Amino acid sequence: MSDQTILIVEDEPAIRQLIARILETDGYQSEQAESADAALELLRERRYDLILLDLHMPGDLDGEEFLFLVRDEGENVPIIIVSGWVDDEAAIHQPDCVYAVIKKPIQSQLLLTRVREVLSNDPLGEQ
């Protein structure tokens, strides 16, 4: 089992659980947050190796605001956007901490391929 932990930030419980199961089949550990607000609290408590982030969620803080807040606070964690509400043009204009954009509905092989690529390449130069 991998010692890498991935934070899943998604407001739909069924999608969160699906992503967690996909990751677990490949040996990753995961934690889940139902909102960007909850994710921010978790991120302040511990370090994650990767964040899978939905952009459009209810709450005081949506996914896009969370994304820029994480970047502006200097958190060195790579992010993969997993959203049904992102187009190719929007994907181009994401900050440097975004390493991939996956459109919903989720294809498990594509998700695992992107996760493996980001985590194996150690994109932020950390060990």
Protein backbone atom coordinates (compact mmCIF):
# COMPACT_ATOMS: atom_id res chain seq x y z
CA MET A 1 0.00 0.00 0.00
CA SER A 2 1.19 3.49 -0.83
CA ASP A 3 1.99 5.97 1.89
CA GLN A 4 0.73 8.76 -0.37
CA THR A 5 -2.51 10.38 0.72
CA ILE A 6 -4.87 12.14 -1.64
CA LEU A 7 -7.49 14.66 -0.55
CA ILE A 8 -10.75 14.36 -2.48
CA VAL A 9 -12.73 17.62 -2.47
CA GLU A 10 -16.18 16.93 -3.92
CA ASP A 11 -19.68 17.89 -2.76
CA GLU A 12 -21.45 14.83 -4.20
CA PRO A 13 -21.11 11.90 -1.74
CA ALA A 14 -21.47 9.21 -4.43
CA ILE A 15 -18.71 10.75 -6.55
CA ARG A 16 -16.42 11.17 -3.51
CA GLN A 17 -16.90 7.53 -2.61
CA LEU A 18 -16.38 6.39 -6.21
CA ILE A 19 -13.10 8.31 -6.46
CA ALA A 20 -11.96 6.92 -3.09
CA ARG A 21 -12.67 3.34 -4.25
CA ILE A 22 -10.80 3.89 -7.52
CA LEU A 23 -7.78 5.23 -5.61
CA GLU A 24 -7.88 2.43 -3.04
CA THR A 25 -7.79 -0.22 -5.80
CA ASP A 26 -4.46 1.27 -6.84
CA GLY A 27 -3.12 1.33 -3.28
CA TYR A 28 -3.55 5.02 -2.45
CA GLN A 29 -4.91 6.35 0.81
CA SER A 30 -7.51 9.09 0.66
CA GLU A 31 -9.40 11.52 2.81
CA GLN A 32 -12.58 13.24 1.78
CA ALA A 33 -13.98 16.75 2.15
CA GLU A 34 -17.52 17.66 1.16
CA SER A 35 -16.68 21.33 0.59
CA ALA A 36 -13.79 23.64 -0.11
CA ASP A 37 -14.22 25.07 3.40
CA ALA A 38 -13.80 21.62 4.95
CA ALA A 39 -10.83 20.90 2.67
CA LEU A 40 -9.10 24.08 3.77
CA GLU A 41 -9.43 23.02 7.41
CA LEU A 42 -7.99 19.57 6.63
CA LEU A 43 -5.15 21.12 4.63
CA ARG A 44 -4.22 23.29 7.61
CA GLU A 45 -4.02 20.18 9.82
CA ARG A 46 -1.89 17.91 7.65
CA ARG A 47 0.03 17.55 4.40
CA TYR A 48 -1.40 15.80 1.35
CA ASP A 49 0.49 14.47 -1.64
CA LEU A 50 -2.25 15.46 -4.08
CA ILE A 51 -5.65 17.15 -4.12
CA LEU A 52 -8.47 16.11 -6.44
CA LEU A 53 -10.71 19.17 -6.64
CA ASP A 54 -14.19 19.80 -7.98
CA LEU A 55 -14.58 23.45 -8.96
CA HIS A 56 -18.28 24.10 -8.39
CA MET A 57 -19.44 23.37 -4.86
CA PRO A 58 -21.79 25.05 -2.41
CA GLY A 59 -20.45 26.89 0.61
CA ASP A 60 -18.63 30.10 1.44
CA LEU A 61 -15.67 29.01 -0.67
CA ASP A 62 -16.01 27.33 -4.07
CA GLY A 63 -13.38 25.16 -5.69
CA GLU A 64 -11.90 27.91 -7.83
CA GLU A 65 -11.50 30.24 -4.84
CA PHE A 66 -9.95 27.36 -2.88
CA LEU A 67 -7.51 26.75 -5.70
CA PHE A 68 -6.19 30.30 -5.69
CA LEU A 69 -6.18 30.49 -1.88
CA VAL A 70 -4.04 27.35 -1.66
CA ARG A 71 -1.65 28.76 -4.25
CA ASP A 72 -1.49 32.18 -2.61
CA GLU A 73 -0.82 30.67 0.83
CA GLY A 74 2.20 28.88 -0.64
CA GLU A 75 0.95 25.34 -0.16
CA ASN A 76 3.14 23.06 -2.26
CA VAL A 77 0.60 20.45 -3.18
CA PRO A 78 -0.26 19.47 -6.74
CA ILE A 79 -3.92 19.65 -7.74
CA ILE A 80 -5.93 17.76 -10.32
CA ILE A 81 -9.25 19.37 -11.17
CA VAL A 82 -12.09 16.86 -11.53
CA SER A 83 -15.15 18.74 -12.75
CA GLY A 84 -18.03 18.60 -15.15
CA TRP A 85 -17.97 22.39 -15.44
CA VAL A 86 -14.63 23.10 -17.02
CA ASP A 87 -13.96 23.61 -20.69
CA ASP A 88 -10.67 23.34 -22.55
CA GLU A 89 -10.12 27.11 -22.56
CA ALA A 90 -10.64 27.35 -18.78
CA ALA A 91 -8.23 24.46 -18.25
CA ILE A 92 -5.46 26.44 -19.96
CA HIS A 93 -5.78 29.36 -17.55
CA GLN A 94 -5.28 27.50 -14.26
CA PRO A 95 -2.43 28.35 -11.89
CA ASP A 96 0.81 26.39 -11.86
CA CYS A 97 -0.34 24.11 -9.04
CA VAL A 98 -2.88 22.49 -11.41
CA TYR A 99 -1.27 19.52 -13.14
CA ALA A 100 -4.27 18.05 -14.94
CA VAL A 101 -7.95 18.59 -15.61
CA ILE A 102 -10.28 15.60 -15.78
CA LYS A 103 -13.82 16.10 -17.00
CA LYS A 104 -16.74 14.26 -15.46
CA PRO A 105 -18.06 11.66 -15.86
CA ILE A 106 -14.96 10.10 -14.36
CA GLN A 107 -13.15 7.39 -16.29
CA SER A 108 -11.28 5.33 -13.70
CA GLN A 109 -8.30 4.49 -15.92
CA LEU A 110 -7.80 8.12 -16.92
CA LEU A 111 -8.03 9.22 -13.29
CA LEU A 112 -5.46 6.64 -12.17
CA THR A 113 -3.15 7.48 -15.07
CA ARG A 114 -3.17 11.19 -14.19
CA VAL A 115 -2.72 10.49 -10.45
CA ARG A 116 0.23 8.18 -11.15
CA GLU A 117 1.82 10.72 -13.50
CA VAL A 118 1.58 13.56 -11.00
CA LEU A 119 2.75 11.54 -8.01
CA SER A 120 5.55 9.68 -9.77
CA ASN A 121 6.97 12.78 -11.41
CA ASP A 122 7.13 14.56 -8.06
CA PRO A 123 6.13 17.80 -9.86
CA LEU A 124 7.06 20.10 -7.00
CA GLY A 125 10.49 18.58 -6.38
CA GLU A 126 9.70 17.16 -2.95
CA GLN A 127 10.70 13.81 -1.56
